[in-house]
Amino acid sequence: MAHVLVICTGNICRSPIAEGLLRSALDGRFGADAPSVDSAGTQGWEGSGAQPGSVAAAAERDIDISGHVARLLTREMIREADLVLAMAGEHRDFVEEVEPAALARTFTLKELVRLLDALPAAAASSDAASLPDRVAEAQALRHGGFAGNPHDQDVADPLGQPQELYRAIAWELEGWIDRLVAGLFGTVEPGTSRSSATQETA
């Protein structure tokens, strides 16, 4: 089963929201065959829960992260992931420093979405096993010099900020993650069930 690791700094604000949103989107698309999703932080506040602002903002989008427990990012976590999804460029750079070989499958969320948008559209797929191949296509485009928008790669850190910023971050993440799933696995028409999508691609 494919595996996605979402990372930020403390693993208490951005990455728990992104983890929850991405898991929900993938579960809705693939059911029991969905890629697994978890998260960690480069300076993870290990054992801490998600910030109340993140919990509330996620709940407004029907995502429950109240049981989240922060983890410190390890080399083993990086090695096990088919895709490492960073909330900011500094987190991608951290992965490159810790595990250079993993850079080929490590991107900021916005960076990867823009790379996927620049590639030929993926055919609507009911098979999540295509994830590593699609990531490799994005890496090849990046390696070839496609820069996307290097001045807008980060999702802002809402730690210590008013609830409105947490709400804005959750809204922003939801939009980027919707585009990510479509870019990785193609677009499924609204109302198309997983079973009918499987029949169409059989």
N, C-alpha and C. Protein backbone atom coordinates (compact mmCIF):
# COMPACT_ATOMS: atom_id res chain seq x y z
N MET A 1 0.85 -1.20 0.00
CA MET A 1 0.00 0.00 0.00
C MET A 1 0.88 1.25 0.00
N ALA A 2 0.55 2.22 -0.85
CA ALA A 2 1.31 3.47 -0.91
C ALA A 2 1.16 4.23 0.40
N HIS A 3 2.15 5.04 0.69
CA HIS A 3 2.18 5.75 1.97
C HIS A 3 2.61 7.20 1.77
N VAL A 4 1.85 8.14 2.33
CA VAL A 4 2.15 9.56 2.25
C VAL A 4 2.46 10.08 3.66
N LEU A 5 3.55 10.83 3.77
CA LEU A 5 3.94 11.45 5.03
C LEU A 5 3.87 12.96 4.87
N VAL A 6 3.10 13.61 5.73
CA VAL A 6 2.94 15.07 5.71
C VAL A 6 3.78 15.64 6.84
N ILE A 7 4.58 16.68 6.54
CA ILE A 7 5.46 17.23 7.57
C ILE A 7 5.34 18.75 7.67
N CYS A 8 5.49 19.23 8.91
CA CYS A 8 5.66 20.66 9.16
C CYS A 8 6.69 20.79 10.28
N THR A 9 6.59 21.81 11.09
CA THR A 9 7.61 22.03 12.13
C THR A 9 7.27 21.27 13.41
N GLY A 10 6.17 21.66 14.05
CA GLY A 10 5.83 21.05 15.33
C GLY A 10 4.89 19.87 15.26
N ASN A 11 4.26 19.67 14.08
CA ASN A 11 3.25 18.62 13.92
C ASN A 11 2.06 18.85 14.83
N ILE A 12 1.73 20.14 15.01
CA ILE A 12 0.59 20.46 15.87
C ILE A 12 -0.39 21.44 15.21
N CYS A 13 -0.01 22.03 14.07
CA CYS A 13 -0.89 23.02 13.42
C CYS A 13 -1.23 22.62 11.99
N ARG A 14 -0.28 22.82 11.08
CA ARG A 14 -0.55 22.62 9.67
C ARG A 14 -0.66 21.15 9.27
N SER A 15 0.35 20.37 9.63
CA SER A 15 0.37 18.98 9.14
C SER A 15 -0.78 18.13 9.68
N PRO A 16 -1.26 18.33 10.90
CA PRO A 16 -2.43 17.53 11.32
C PRO A 16 -3.67 17.84 10.48
N ILE A 17 -3.87 19.12 10.14
CA ILE A 17 -5.02 19.47 9.28
C ILE A 17 -4.84 18.83 7.91
N ALA A 18 -3.65 18.99 7.33
CA ALA A 18 -3.40 18.43 6.00
C ALA A 18 -3.53 16.92 6.00
N GLU A 19 -3.01 16.29 7.04
CA GLU A 19 -3.13 14.83 7.16
C GLU A 19 -4.59 14.41 7.15
N GLY A 20 -5.39 15.07 7.97
CA GLY A 20 -6.80 14.72 8.06
C GLY A 20 -7.55 14.94 6.77
N LEU A 21 -7.29 16.07 6.12
CA LEU A 21 -7.96 16.38 4.85
C LEU A 21 -7.56 15.39 3.76
N LEU A 22 -6.27 15.09 3.68
CA LEU A 22 -5.79 14.18 2.64
C LEU A 22 -6.31 12.77 2.88
N ARG A 23 -6.28 12.31 4.12
CA ARG A 23 -6.80 10.97 4.42
C ARG A 23 -8.27 10.88 4.04
N SER A 24 -9.04 11.89 4.37
CA SER A 24 -10.46 11.89 4.05
C SER A 24 -10.68 11.84 2.54
N ALA A 25 -9.91 12.64 1.81
CA ALA A 25 -10.06 12.67 0.35
C ALA A 25 -9.68 11.34 -0.27
N LEU A 26 -8.61 10.74 0.20
CA LEU A 26 -8.16 9.46 -0.36
C LEU A 26 -9.09 8.32 0.04
N ASP A 27 -9.56 8.34 1.28
CA ASP A 27 -10.50 7.30 1.71
C ASP A 27 -11.79 7.38 0.88
N GLY A 28 -12.23 8.62 0.62
CA GLY A 28 -13.43 8.79 -0.19
C GLY A 28 -13.24 8.31 -1.61
N ARG A 29 -12.03 8.41 -2.10
CA ARG A 29 -11.73 8.02 -3.48
C ARG A 29 -11.48 6.51 -3.60
N PHE A 30 -10.73 5.94 -2.65
CA PHE A 30 -10.25 4.57 -2.80
C PHE A 30 -10.76 3.59 -1.75
N GLY A 31 -11.44 4.08 -0.73
CA GLY A 31 -11.93 3.18 0.30
C GLY A 31 -10.79 2.47 1.02
N ALA A 32 -10.96 1.17 1.21
CA ALA A 32 -9.96 0.39 1.96
C ALA A 32 -8.62 0.31 1.25
N ASP A 33 -8.59 0.64 -0.04
CA ASP A 33 -7.35 0.58 -0.81
C ASP A 33 -6.61 1.91 -0.86
N ALA A 34 -7.08 2.88 -0.07
CA ALA A 34 -6.46 4.21 -0.09
C ALA A 34 -5.03 4.17 0.46
N PRO A 35 -4.16 5.01 -0.09
CA PRO A 35 -2.83 5.14 0.52
C PRO A 35 -2.96 5.53 1.99
N SER A 36 -2.05 5.07 2.81
CA SER A 36 -2.04 5.49 4.21
C SER A 36 -1.43 6.89 4.30
N VAL A 37 -1.88 7.64 5.27
CA VAL A 37 -1.40 9.01 5.47
C VAL A 37 -1.10 9.21 6.94
N ASP A 38 0.06 9.75 7.25
CA ASP A 38 0.33 10.21 8.60
C ASP A 38 1.21 11.45 8.54
N SER A 39 1.63 11.94 9.70
CA SER A 39 2.36 13.21 9.73
C SER A 39 3.38 13.22 10.85
N ALA A 40 4.31 14.17 10.76
CA ALA A 40 5.36 14.33 11.76
C ALA A 40 5.91 15.75 11.63
N GLY A 41 6.77 16.12 12.57
CA GLY A 41 7.33 17.46 12.56
C GLY A 41 8.85 17.45 12.66
N THR A 42 9.49 18.35 11.96
CA THR A 42 10.95 18.44 12.00
C THR A 42 11.45 18.81 13.40
N GLN A 43 10.59 19.49 14.16
CA GLN A 43 10.87 19.77 15.56
C GLN A 43 9.65 19.35 16.38
N GLY A 44 9.16 18.18 16.05
CA GLY A 44 7.88 17.73 16.58
C GLY A 44 7.73 17.86 18.08
N TRP A 45 6.60 18.41 18.49
CA TRP A 45 6.28 18.51 19.91
C TRP A 45 5.73 17.15 20.34
N GLU A 46 6.61 16.18 20.41
CA GLU A 46 6.22 14.78 20.56
C GLU A 46 5.28 14.57 21.73
N GLY A 47 4.15 13.92 21.44
CA GLY A 47 3.16 13.62 22.46
C GLY A 47 2.10 14.68 22.63
N SER A 48 2.29 15.85 22.03
CA SER A 48 1.30 16.92 22.15
C SER A 48 0.13 16.68 21.21
N GLY A 49 -1.02 17.23 21.58
CA GLY A 49 -2.16 17.20 20.68
C GLY A 49 -2.06 18.32 19.67
N ALA A 50 -2.93 18.29 18.68
CA ALA A 50 -3.02 19.41 17.74
C ALA A 50 -3.49 20.65 18.48
N GLN A 51 -3.07 21.80 18.02
CA GLN A 51 -3.51 23.05 18.62
C GLN A 51 -5.03 23.18 18.53
N PRO A 52 -5.65 23.74 19.57
CA PRO A 52 -7.12 23.89 19.54
C PRO A 52 -7.62 24.61 18.29
N GLY A 53 -6.85 25.58 17.83
CA GLY A 53 -7.25 26.29 16.62
C GLY A 53 -7.30 25.38 15.41
N SER A 54 -6.34 24.47 15.32
CA SER A 54 -6.33 23.50 14.22
C SER A 54 -7.49 22.51 14.34
N VAL A 55 -7.73 22.04 15.55
CA VAL A 55 -8.83 21.10 15.77
C VAL A 55 -10.16 21.74 15.36
N ALA A 56 -10.36 22.99 15.78
CA ALA A 56 -11.61 23.68 15.46
C ALA A 56 -11.75 23.94 13.97
N ALA A 57 -10.65 24.39 13.33
CA ALA A 57 -10.70 24.70 11.90
C ALA A 57 -10.93 23.44 11.08
N ALA A 58 -10.31 22.34 11.48
CA ALA A 58 -10.53 21.08 10.78
C ALA A 58 -11.97 20.60 10.97
N ALA A 59 -12.49 20.76 12.17
CA ALA A 59 -13.86 20.31 12.45
C ALA A 59 -14.87 21.06 11.58
N GLU A 60 -14.59 22.32 11.29
CA GLU A 60 -15.48 23.08 10.41
C GLU A 60 -15.53 22.49 9.01
N ARG A 61 -14.54 21.67 8.67
CA ARG A 61 -14.49 21.02 7.36
C ARG A 61 -14.77 19.52 7.51
N ASP A 62 -15.42 19.18 8.64
CA ASP A 62 -15.85 17.80 8.92
C ASP A 62 -14.67 16.83 9.04
N ILE A 63 -13.56 17.33 9.56
CA ILE A 63 -12.38 16.50 9.79
C ILE A 63 -12.08 16.51 11.28
N ASP A 64 -12.02 15.33 11.87
CA ASP A 64 -11.78 15.21 13.31
C ASP A 64 -10.31 14.89 13.56
N ILE A 65 -9.57 15.86 14.09
CA ILE A 65 -8.17 15.62 14.45
C ILE A 65 -7.97 15.77 15.95
N SER A 66 -9.06 15.62 16.71
CA SER A 66 -8.99 15.81 18.16
C SER A 66 -8.09 14.76 18.83
N GLY A 67 -7.92 13.61 18.18
CA GLY A 67 -7.08 12.57 18.77
C GLY A 67 -5.64 12.58 18.27
N HIS A 68 -5.27 13.60 17.52
CA HIS A 68 -3.92 13.66 16.96
C HIS A 68 -2.87 13.71 18.07
N VAL A 69 -1.76 13.00 17.85
CA VAL A 69 -0.61 13.03 18.76
C VAL A 69 0.64 13.34 17.93
N ALA A 70 1.31 14.43 18.27
CA ALA A 70 2.47 14.88 17.50
C ALA A 70 3.63 13.90 17.59
N ARG A 71 4.39 13.82 16.49
CA ARG A 71 5.56 12.94 16.42
C ARG A 71 6.75 13.72 15.87
N LEU A 72 7.92 13.33 16.29
CA LEU A 72 9.16 13.89 15.75
C LEU A 72 9.56 13.11 14.52
N LEU A 73 9.83 13.82 13.44
CA LEU A 73 10.22 13.18 12.19
C LEU A 73 11.51 12.40 12.35
N THR A 74 11.54 11.19 11.83
CA THR A 74 12.74 10.36 11.87
C THR A 74 13.16 9.96 10.46
N ARG A 75 14.38 9.53 10.32
CA ARG A 75 14.88 9.06 9.03
C ARG A 75 14.08 7.85 8.55
N GLU A 76 13.71 6.99 9.46
CA GLU A 76 12.94 5.80 9.09
C GLU A 76 11.59 6.18 8.51
N MET A 77 10.92 7.18 9.09
CA MET A 77 9.65 7.63 8.53
C MET A 77 9.82 8.10 7.10
N ILE A 78 10.88 8.85 6.86
CA ILE A 78 11.14 9.37 5.52
C ILE A 78 11.37 8.23 4.54
N ARG A 79 12.15 7.25 4.96
CA ARG A 79 12.48 6.13 4.07
C ARG A 79 11.26 5.30 3.72
N GLU A 80 10.29 5.24 4.62
CA GLU A 80 9.12 4.40 4.39
C GLU A 80 8.07 5.07 3.51
N ALA A 81 8.18 6.37 3.28
CA ALA A 81 7.15 7.11 2.56
C ALA A 81 7.37 7.08 1.05
N ASP A 82 6.29 6.88 0.32
CA ASP A 82 6.33 6.99 -1.14
C ASP A 82 6.27 8.45 -1.58
N LEU A 83 5.71 9.29 -0.72
CA LEU A 83 5.63 10.73 -0.96
C LEU A 83 5.74 11.44 0.36
N VAL A 84 6.69 12.40 0.43
CA VAL A 84 6.80 13.26 1.60
C VAL A 84 6.29 14.63 1.18
N LEU A 85 5.26 15.08 1.86
CA LEU A 85 4.56 16.31 1.50
C LEU A 85 4.84 17.36 2.57
N ALA A 86 5.63 18.37 2.20
CA ALA A 86 6.07 19.39 3.16
C ALA A 86 5.15 20.61 3.12
N MET A 87 4.94 21.19 4.28
CA MET A 87 4.14 22.40 4.35
C MET A 87 4.91 23.64 3.94
N ALA A 88 6.24 23.58 3.96
CA ALA A 88 7.06 24.74 3.58
C ALA A 88 8.40 24.26 3.05
N GLY A 89 9.07 25.16 2.32
CA GLY A 89 10.35 24.81 1.74
C GLY A 89 11.38 24.39 2.77
N GLU A 90 11.33 24.98 3.96
CA GLU A 90 12.31 24.63 4.98
C GLU A 90 12.18 23.16 5.40
N HIS A 91 10.98 22.62 5.33
CA HIS A 91 10.77 21.22 5.69
C HIS A 91 11.29 20.29 4.60
N ARG A 92 11.07 20.66 3.36
CA ARG A 92 11.65 19.89 2.25
C ARG A 92 13.17 19.90 2.34
N ASP A 93 13.75 21.06 2.65
CA ASP A 93 15.20 21.17 2.76
C ASP A 93 15.73 20.33 3.91
N PHE A 94 14.97 20.25 4.99
CA PHE A 94 15.36 19.42 6.13
C PHE A 94 15.45 17.95 5.71
N VAL A 95 14.47 17.49 4.95
CA VAL A 95 14.48 16.11 4.48
C VAL A 95 15.70 15.86 3.61
N GLU A 96 16.01 16.81 2.73
CA GLU A 96 17.17 16.66 1.87
C GLU A 96 18.46 16.53 2.68
N GLU A 97 18.54 17.27 3.77
CA GLU A 97 19.73 17.21 4.62
C GLU A 97 19.82 15.88 5.37
N VAL A 98 18.69 15.41 5.87
CA VAL A 98 18.66 14.19 6.67
C VAL A 98 18.77 12.93 5.81
N GLU A 99 18.09 12.93 4.69
CA GLU A 99 18.01 11.74 3.83
C GLU A 99 18.02 12.21 2.37
N PRO A 100 19.19 12.54 1.82
CA PRO A 100 19.27 13.14 0.48
C PRO A 100 18.56 12.34 -0.60
N ALA A 101 18.58 11.03 -0.50
CA ALA A 101 17.96 10.21 -1.54
C ALA A 101 16.45 10.40 -1.60
N ALA A 102 15.86 10.90 -0.52
CA ALA A 102 14.41 11.06 -0.47
C ALA A 102 13.94 12.34 -1.14
N LEU A 103 14.86 13.21 -1.55
CA LEU A 103 14.44 14.47 -2.16
C LEU A 103 13.61 14.22 -3.42
N ALA A 104 13.90 13.15 -4.13
CA ALA A 104 13.17 12.84 -5.37
C ALA A 104 11.69 12.61 -5.13
N ARG A 105 11.29 12.32 -3.90
CA ARG A 105 9.88 12.10 -3.59
C ARG A 105 9.40 13.02 -2.47
N THR A 106 10.12 14.15 -2.32
CA THR A 106 9.76 15.14 -1.32
C THR A 106 9.48 16.48 -2.00
N PHE A 107 8.33 17.04 -1.72
CA PHE A 107 7.90 18.29 -2.34
C PHE A 107 7.11 19.11 -1.32
N THR A 108 7.09 20.41 -1.50
CA THR A 108 6.06 21.16 -0.78
C THR A 108 4.73 20.85 -1.47
N LEU A 109 3.66 21.00 -0.73
CA LEU A 109 2.33 20.74 -1.28
C LEU A 109 2.09 21.58 -2.52
N LYS A 110 2.37 22.88 -2.43
CA LYS A 110 2.10 23.77 -3.56
C LYS A 110 3.02 23.45 -4.74
N GLU A 111 4.27 23.12 -4.44
CA GLU A 111 5.20 22.76 -5.50
C GLU A 111 4.71 21.56 -6.27
N LEU A 112 4.30 20.51 -5.57
CA LEU A 112 3.87 19.29 -6.24
C LEU A 112 2.61 19.53 -7.06
N VAL A 113 1.67 20.27 -6.51
CA VAL A 113 0.43 20.53 -7.25
C VAL A 113 0.74 21.26 -8.55
N ARG A 114 1.63 22.23 -8.50
CA ARG A 114 1.96 22.97 -9.73
C ARG A 114 2.70 22.09 -10.73
N LEU A 115 3.54 21.20 -10.25
CA LEU A 115 4.20 20.26 -11.15
C LEU A 115 3.17 19.34 -11.81
N LEU A 116 2.25 18.82 -11.03
CA LEU A 116 1.22 17.93 -11.57
C LEU A 116 0.32 18.68 -12.56
N ASP A 117 0.01 19.94 -12.25
CA ASP A 117 -0.80 20.74 -13.17
C ASP A 117 -0.11 20.92 -14.51
N ALA A 118 1.23 20.95 -14.49
CA ALA A 118 2.00 21.17 -15.72
C ALA A 118 2.18 19.89 -16.53
N LEU A 119 1.91 18.76 -15.94
CA LEU A 119 2.02 17.47 -16.63
C LEU A 119 0.72 17.16 -17.38
N PRO A 120 0.77 16.27 -18.37
CA PRO A 120 -0.49 15.79 -18.95
C PRO A 120 -1.38 15.23 -17.85
N ALA A 121 -2.67 15.51 -17.95
CA ALA A 121 -3.60 15.09 -16.90
C ALA A 121 -3.57 13.58 -16.72
N ALA A 122 -3.62 13.16 -15.47
CA ALA A 122 -3.69 11.74 -15.17
C ALA A 122 -5.05 11.20 -15.54
N ALA A 123 -5.08 9.98 -16.08
CA ALA A 123 -6.36 9.33 -16.34
C ALA A 123 -7.01 8.99 -15.01
N ALA A 124 -8.32 9.14 -14.92
CA ALA A 124 -9.03 8.82 -13.68
C ALA A 124 -8.73 7.38 -13.30
N SER A 125 -8.18 7.18 -12.13
CA SER A 125 -7.72 5.87 -11.72
C SER A 125 -8.40 5.41 -10.45
N SER A 126 -8.69 4.12 -10.39
CA SER A 126 -9.21 3.52 -9.17
C SER A 126 -8.12 2.77 -8.43
N ASP A 127 -6.87 2.92 -8.91
CA ASP A 127 -5.74 2.18 -8.35
C ASP A 127 -4.74 3.14 -7.72
N ALA A 128 -4.71 3.17 -6.39
CA ALA A 128 -3.80 4.07 -5.69
C ALA A 128 -2.35 3.67 -5.85
N ALA A 129 -2.09 2.47 -6.38
CA ALA A 129 -0.72 2.01 -6.56
C ALA A 129 0.04 2.83 -7.60
N SER A 130 -0.69 3.67 -8.36
CA SER A 130 -0.05 4.52 -9.36
C SER A 130 0.68 5.71 -8.73
N LEU A 131 0.54 5.90 -7.43
CA LEU A 131 1.14 7.07 -6.77
C LEU A 131 2.64 7.21 -7.02
N PRO A 132 3.48 6.19 -6.80
CA PRO A 132 4.92 6.37 -7.00
C PRO A 132 5.28 6.78 -8.44
N ASP A 133 4.56 6.23 -9.42
CA ASP A 133 4.84 6.58 -10.81
C ASP A 133 4.53 8.03 -11.09
N ARG A 134 3.43 8.51 -10.55
CA ARG A 134 3.05 9.91 -10.77
C ARG A 134 4.02 10.85 -10.06
N VAL A 135 4.47 10.47 -8.87
CA VAL A 135 5.47 11.25 -8.15
C VAL A 135 6.77 11.31 -8.96
N ALA A 136 7.14 10.19 -9.57
CA ALA A 136 8.35 10.15 -10.39
C ALA A 136 8.24 11.08 -11.59
N GLU A 137 7.05 11.16 -12.19
CA GLU A 137 6.84 12.08 -13.31
C GLU A 137 7.03 13.53 -12.86
N ALA A 138 6.51 13.85 -11.69
CA ALA A 138 6.66 15.21 -11.16
C ALA A 138 8.12 15.51 -10.88
N GLN A 139 8.84 14.56 -10.33
CA GLN A 139 10.26 14.74 -10.06
C GLN A 139 11.05 14.95 -11.35
N ALA A 140 10.71 14.21 -12.39
CA ALA A 140 11.41 14.37 -13.67
C ALA A 140 11.20 15.78 -14.22
N LEU A 141 9.99 16.30 -14.08
CA LEU A 141 9.71 17.66 -14.54
C LEU A 141 10.47 18.67 -13.71
N ARG A 142 10.51 18.48 -12.40
CA ARG A 142 11.26 19.38 -11.53
C ARG A 142 12.75 19.32 -11.87
N HIS A 143 13.26 18.12 -12.06
CA HIS A 143 14.68 17.94 -12.39
C HIS A 143 15.02 18.60 -13.72
N GLY A 144 14.02 18.66 -14.60
CA GLY A 144 14.23 19.29 -15.91
C GLY A 144 14.21 20.80 -15.87
N GLY A 145 13.91 21.38 -14.70
CA GLY A 145 14.01 22.82 -14.56
C GLY A 145 12.70 23.56 -14.34
N PHE A 146 11.57 22.83 -14.30
CA PHE A 146 10.30 23.51 -14.05
C PHE A 146 10.27 24.01 -12.61
N ALA A 147 10.15 25.32 -12.44
CA ALA A 147 10.26 25.91 -11.10
C ALA A 147 8.91 26.23 -10.48
N GLY A 148 7.83 26.17 -11.25
CA GLY A 148 6.54 26.54 -10.68
C GLY A 148 6.54 27.98 -10.23
N ASN A 149 6.23 28.19 -8.98
CA ASN A 149 6.29 29.53 -8.39
C ASN A 149 7.13 29.45 -7.12
N PRO A 150 8.46 29.61 -7.23
CA PRO A 150 9.33 29.44 -6.06
C PRO A 150 9.09 30.48 -4.97
N HIS A 151 8.35 31.54 -5.29
CA HIS A 151 8.07 32.58 -4.29
C HIS A 151 6.78 32.30 -3.51
N ASP A 152 6.10 31.22 -3.86
CA ASP A 152 4.87 30.86 -3.14
C ASP A 152 4.82 29.35 -2.99
N GLN A 153 5.62 28.84 -2.08
CA GLN A 153 5.65 27.40 -1.83
C GLN A 153 5.18 27.04 -0.42
N ASP A 154 5.07 27.99 0.45
CA ASP A 154 4.82 27.70 1.85
C ASP A 154 3.35 27.90 2.23
N VAL A 155 2.89 27.06 3.14
CA VAL A 155 1.63 27.29 3.85
C VAL A 155 2.00 27.96 5.16
N ALA A 156 1.42 29.10 5.45
CA ALA A 156 1.78 29.89 6.63
C ALA A 156 1.54 29.11 7.91
N ASP A 157 2.38 29.35 8.90
CA ASP A 157 2.24 28.72 10.21
C ASP A 157 1.32 29.57 11.07
N PRO A 158 0.17 29.03 11.50
CA PRO A 158 -0.77 29.83 12.29
C PRO A 158 -0.50 29.81 13.79
N LEU A 159 0.56 29.14 14.23
CA LEU A 159 0.79 29.00 15.67
C LEU A 159 0.81 30.37 16.34
N GLY A 160 -0.01 30.51 17.38
CA GLY A 160 -0.06 31.75 18.14
C GLY A 160 -0.89 32.86 17.51
N GLN A 161 -1.50 32.57 16.37
CA GLN A 161 -2.29 33.58 15.66
C GLN A 161 -3.79 33.40 15.95
N PRO A 162 -4.60 34.40 15.58
CA PRO A 162 -6.04 34.30 15.83
C PRO A 162 -6.68 33.13 15.08
N GLN A 163 -7.85 32.74 15.55
CA GLN A 163 -8.55 31.61 14.96
C GLN A 163 -8.82 31.81 13.47
N GLU A 164 -9.01 33.05 13.07
CA GLU A 164 -9.29 33.31 11.66
C GLU A 164 -8.16 32.80 10.77
N LEU A 165 -6.92 32.85 11.24
CA LEU A 165 -5.82 32.36 10.42
C LEU A 165 -5.85 30.84 10.34
N TYR A 166 -6.15 30.17 11.43
CA TYR A 166 -6.30 28.71 11.38
C TYR A 166 -7.39 28.34 10.37
N ARG A 167 -8.49 29.08 10.42
CA ARG A 167 -9.60 28.81 9.49
C ARG A 167 -9.15 29.03 8.04
N ALA A 168 -8.39 30.10 7.82
CA ALA A 168 -7.91 30.38 6.47
C ALA A 168 -6.94 29.31 5.99
N ILE A 169 -6.09 28.83 6.89
CA ILE A 169 -5.13 27.78 6.52
C ILE A 169 -5.86 26.49 6.16
N ALA A 170 -6.86 26.13 6.94
CA ALA A 170 -7.64 24.92 6.63
C ALA A 170 -8.32 25.04 5.28
N TRP A 171 -8.88 26.21 5.00
CA TRP A 171 -9.53 26.45 3.71
C TRP A 171 -8.51 26.33 2.58
N GLU A 172 -7.34 26.94 2.77
CA GLU A 172 -6.29 26.88 1.75
C GLU A 172 -5.83 25.44 1.53
N LEU A 173 -5.58 24.72 2.60
CA LEU A 173 -5.12 23.34 2.48
C LEU A 173 -6.15 22.47 1.76
N GLU A 174 -7.41 22.67 2.05
CA GLU A 174 -8.43 21.86 1.40
C GLU A 174 -8.40 22.05 -0.12
N GLY A 175 -8.24 23.29 -0.56
CA GLY A 175 -8.18 23.56 -1.99
C GLY A 175 -6.98 22.93 -2.66
N TRP A 176 -5.81 23.07 -2.04
CA TRP A 176 -4.60 22.48 -2.61
C TRP A 176 -4.65 20.95 -2.60
N ILE A 177 -5.22 20.38 -1.55
CA ILE A 177 -5.29 18.92 -1.48
C ILE A 177 -6.28 18.36 -2.49
N ASP A 178 -7.38 19.05 -2.74
CA ASP A 178 -8.29 18.62 -3.79
C ASP A 178 -7.56 18.58 -5.13
N ARG A 179 -6.77 19.62 -5.40
CA ARG A 179 -6.00 19.66 -6.65
C ARG A 179 -4.93 18.57 -6.67
N LEU A 180 -4.34 18.30 -5.52
CA LEU A 180 -3.31 17.26 -5.43
C LEU A 180 -3.89 15.90 -5.81
N VAL A 181 -5.00 15.54 -5.23
CA VAL A 181 -5.60 14.24 -5.50
C VAL A 181 -5.98 14.11 -6.97
N ALA A 182 -6.54 15.17 -7.54
CA ALA A 182 -6.87 15.15 -8.97
C ALA A 182 -5.61 15.03 -9.82
N GLY A 183 -4.54 15.72 -9.41
CA GLY A 183 -3.30 15.67 -10.17
C GLY A 183 -2.62 14.33 -10.11
N LEU A 184 -2.75 13.66 -8.97
CA LEU A 184 -2.12 12.35 -8.81
C LEU A 184 -2.93 11.23 -9.46
N PHE A 185 -4.25 11.31 -9.34
CA PHE A 185 -5.08 10.17 -9.70
C PHE A 185 -6.16 10.48 -10.75
N GLY A 186 -6.14 11.69 -11.28
CA GLY A 186 -7.15 12.05 -12.26
C GLY A 186 -8.43 12.53 -11.59
N THR A 187 -9.30 13.09 -12.40
CA THR A 187 -10.55 13.66 -11.90
C THR A 187 -11.70 12.69 -12.11
N VAL A 188 -12.43 12.46 -11.05
CA VAL A 188 -13.63 11.62 -11.11
C VAL A 188 -14.84 12.53 -11.11
N GLU A 189 -15.77 12.27 -12.01
CA GLU A 189 -16.97 13.11 -12.08
C GLU A 189 -17.75 13.04 -10.78
N PRO A 190 -18.29 14.19 -10.32
CA PRO A 190 -19.09 14.18 -9.08
C PRO A 190 -20.22 13.17 -9.18
N GLY A 191 -20.39 12.42 -8.12
CA GLY A 191 -21.46 11.42 -8.09
C GLY A 191 -21.03 10.07 -8.60
N THR A 192 -19.78 9.98 -9.14
CA THR A 192 -19.30 8.69 -9.61
C THR A 192 -18.85 7.86 -8.42
N SER A 193 -19.38 6.69 -8.29
CA SER A 193 -19.02 5.82 -7.17
C SER A 193 -17.67 5.18 -7.44
N ARG A 194 -17.05 4.67 -6.38
CA ARG A 194 -15.77 4.01 -6.54
C ARG A 194 -15.91 2.78 -7.42
N SER A 195 -17.00 2.04 -7.27
CA SER A 195 -17.19 0.83 -8.06
C SER A 195 -17.34 1.15 -9.54
N SER A 196 -18.09 2.23 -9.87
CA SER A 196 -18.27 2.57 -11.28
C SER A 196 -16.99 3.11 -11.87
N ALA A 197 -16.19 3.82 -11.06
CA ALA A 197 -14.89 4.28 -11.54
C ALA A 197 -14.00 3.10 -11.86
N THR A 198 -14.09 2.05 -11.05
CA THR A 198 -13.30 0.84 -11.30
C THR A 198 -13.71 0.20 -12.61
N GLN A 199 -15.03 0.15 -12.86
CA GLN A 199 -15.50 -0.45 -14.10
C GLN A 199 -15.03 0.34 -15.32
N GLU A 200 -15.04 1.67 -15.21
CA GLU A 200 -14.64 2.51 -16.32
C GLU A 200 -13.18 2.34 -16.68
N THR A 201 -12.33 2.05 -15.67
CA THR A 201 -10.90 1.94 -15.92
C THR A 201 -10.45 0.51 -16.10
N ALA A 202 -11.39 -0.45 -16.03
CA ALA A 202 -11.05 -1.88 -16.15
C ALA A 202 -10.71 -2.21 -17.61
